[in-house]
Amino acid sequence: MTDDTTEARREQFLRTLTDMADANMALMDGTTAPFEKLIREHDIVFGVWHDDTFPGGVDRHKLAECGIAGTTLTASTTAIPCTEREQAIAAAQLWGDKDN
């Protein structure tokens, strides 16, 4: 795989996560309930936030990967909008995998 292909896949992955997080923004109601629900209902969950210091202006942190050894086509994945890395880490500590 060339560096261009790797970078293109990374950019597509970040776009997909950003789209998921943007769609889930409508579920946010100012409580932690939507975070808990999304983490409980998906196999793989990322926290996503805007950060201009990263390529593409977006960074992410894996919140949960419920017993899946590698990503599979049947794994349900979503992304949760976060304000910053610390919020994503806190969500992972509260509701994410205890092994991660």
Protein backbone atom coordinates (compact mmCIF):
# COMPACT_ATOMS: atom_id res chain seq x y z
CA MET A 1 0.00 0.00 0.00
CA THR A 2 1.40 3.39 -0.93
CA ASP A 3 1.59 6.36 1.42
CA ASP A 4 -1.05 8.13 -0.70
CA THR A 5 -3.42 5.18 -0.30
CA THR A 6 -2.81 5.02 3.44
CA GLU A 7 -3.43 8.75 3.81
CA ALA A 8 -6.58 8.59 1.68
CA ARG A 9 -7.96 5.77 3.84
CA ARG A 10 -7.13 7.67 7.02
CA GLU A 11 -8.89 10.77 5.71
CA GLN A 12 -11.94 8.70 4.70
CA PHE A 13 -12.00 7.04 8.13
CA LEU A 14 -11.92 10.43 9.87
CA ARG A 15 -14.66 11.77 7.55
CA THR A 16 -16.83 8.76 8.37
CA LEU A 17 -16.28 9.19 12.11
CA THR A 18 -17.01 12.90 11.85
CA ASP A 19 -20.25 12.20 9.95
CA MET A 20 -21.30 9.68 12.61
CA ALA A 21 -20.50 12.12 15.42
CA ASP A 22 -22.37 14.92 13.66
CA ALA A 23 -25.42 12.66 13.25
CA ASN A 24 -25.27 11.65 16.92
CA MET A 25 -25.10 15.29 18.00
CA ALA A 26 -28.88 15.41 17.62
CA LEU A 27 -29.15 12.82 20.42
CA MET A 28 -27.17 14.90 22.92
CA ASP A 29 -29.47 16.38 25.53
CA GLY A 30 -27.02 17.81 28.08
CA THR A 31 -26.96 14.63 30.17
CA THR A 32 -24.66 11.60 30.08
CA ALA A 33 -27.51 9.27 29.08
CA PRO A 34 -26.90 9.52 25.30
CA PHE A 35 -23.19 8.70 25.79
CA GLU A 36 -24.06 5.63 27.85
CA LYS A 37 -26.72 4.47 25.41
CA LEU A 38 -24.49 4.80 22.33
CA ILE A 39 -21.62 2.98 24.02
CA ARG A 40 -23.92 0.20 25.24
CA GLU A 41 -25.56 -0.27 21.82
CA HIS A 42 -22.39 -0.44 19.65
CA ASP A 43 -19.42 -2.76 19.44
CA ILE A 44 -16.87 -0.05 18.63
CA VAL A 45 -17.27 3.58 19.74
CA PHE A 46 -15.01 6.56 19.12
CA GLY A 47 -15.10 9.99 20.69
CA VAL A 48 -14.46 12.66 18.04
CA TRP A 49 -13.62 16.35 18.45
CA HIS A 50 -12.31 19.21 16.38
CA ASP A 51 -8.62 19.97 16.90
CA ASP A 52 -6.80 22.20 14.43
CA THR A 53 -3.43 20.82 15.52
CA PHE A 54 -4.22 17.49 13.78
CA PRO A 55 -4.30 16.84 10.02
CA GLY A 56 -7.84 17.38 8.83
CA GLY A 57 -8.70 19.30 12.01
CA VAL A 58 -10.18 16.24 13.76
CA ASP A 59 -8.89 13.86 16.41
CA ARG A 60 -10.43 10.77 17.95
CA HIS A 61 -10.12 8.38 20.89
CA LYS A 62 -11.51 4.84 21.05
CA LEU A 63 -14.06 4.68 23.87
CA ALA A 64 -15.11 1.05 23.58
CA GLU A 65 -14.33 -2.09 21.66
CA CYS A 66 -16.50 -4.76 23.17
CA GLY A 67 -14.52 -7.95 22.91
CA ILE A 68 -13.83 -7.71 19.20
CA ALA A 69 -10.44 -8.96 18.07
CA GLY A 70 -10.03 -6.63 15.11
CA THR A 71 -12.67 -4.81 13.13
CA THR A 72 -15.14 -7.00 11.30
CA LEU A 73 -17.85 -6.21 8.81
CA THR A 74 -20.49 -7.20 11.35
CA ALA A 75 -19.24 -4.93 14.14
CA SER A 76 -21.48 -1.96 14.74
CA THR A 77 -19.47 1.24 14.95
CA THR A 78 -20.37 4.78 15.86
CA ALA A 79 -18.77 8.02 16.97
CA ILE A 80 -19.79 10.41 19.72
CA PRO A 81 -19.14 14.15 19.52
CA CYS A 82 -16.79 15.31 22.27
CA THR A 83 -15.53 18.76 23.15
CA GLU A 84 -11.93 17.61 23.71
CA ARG A 85 -9.69 14.60 24.36
CA GLU A 86 -10.29 14.76 28.12
CA GLN A 87 -14.04 14.31 27.65
CA ALA A 88 -13.45 11.28 25.42
CA ILE A 89 -11.06 9.75 27.95
CA ALA A 90 -13.56 10.34 30.78
CA ALA A 91 -16.35 8.67 28.77
CA ALA A 92 -14.07 5.70 28.08
CA GLN A 93 -13.27 5.41 31.78
CA LEU A 94 -16.93 5.62 32.84
CA TRP A 95 -18.64 3.45 30.22
CA GLY A 96 -16.03 1.99 27.93
CA ASP A 97 -14.07 -1.23 28.05
CA LYS A 98 -12.35 -1.82 31.33
CA ASP A 99 -9.44 -3.47 29.44
CA ASN A 100 -8.62 -0.39 27.32
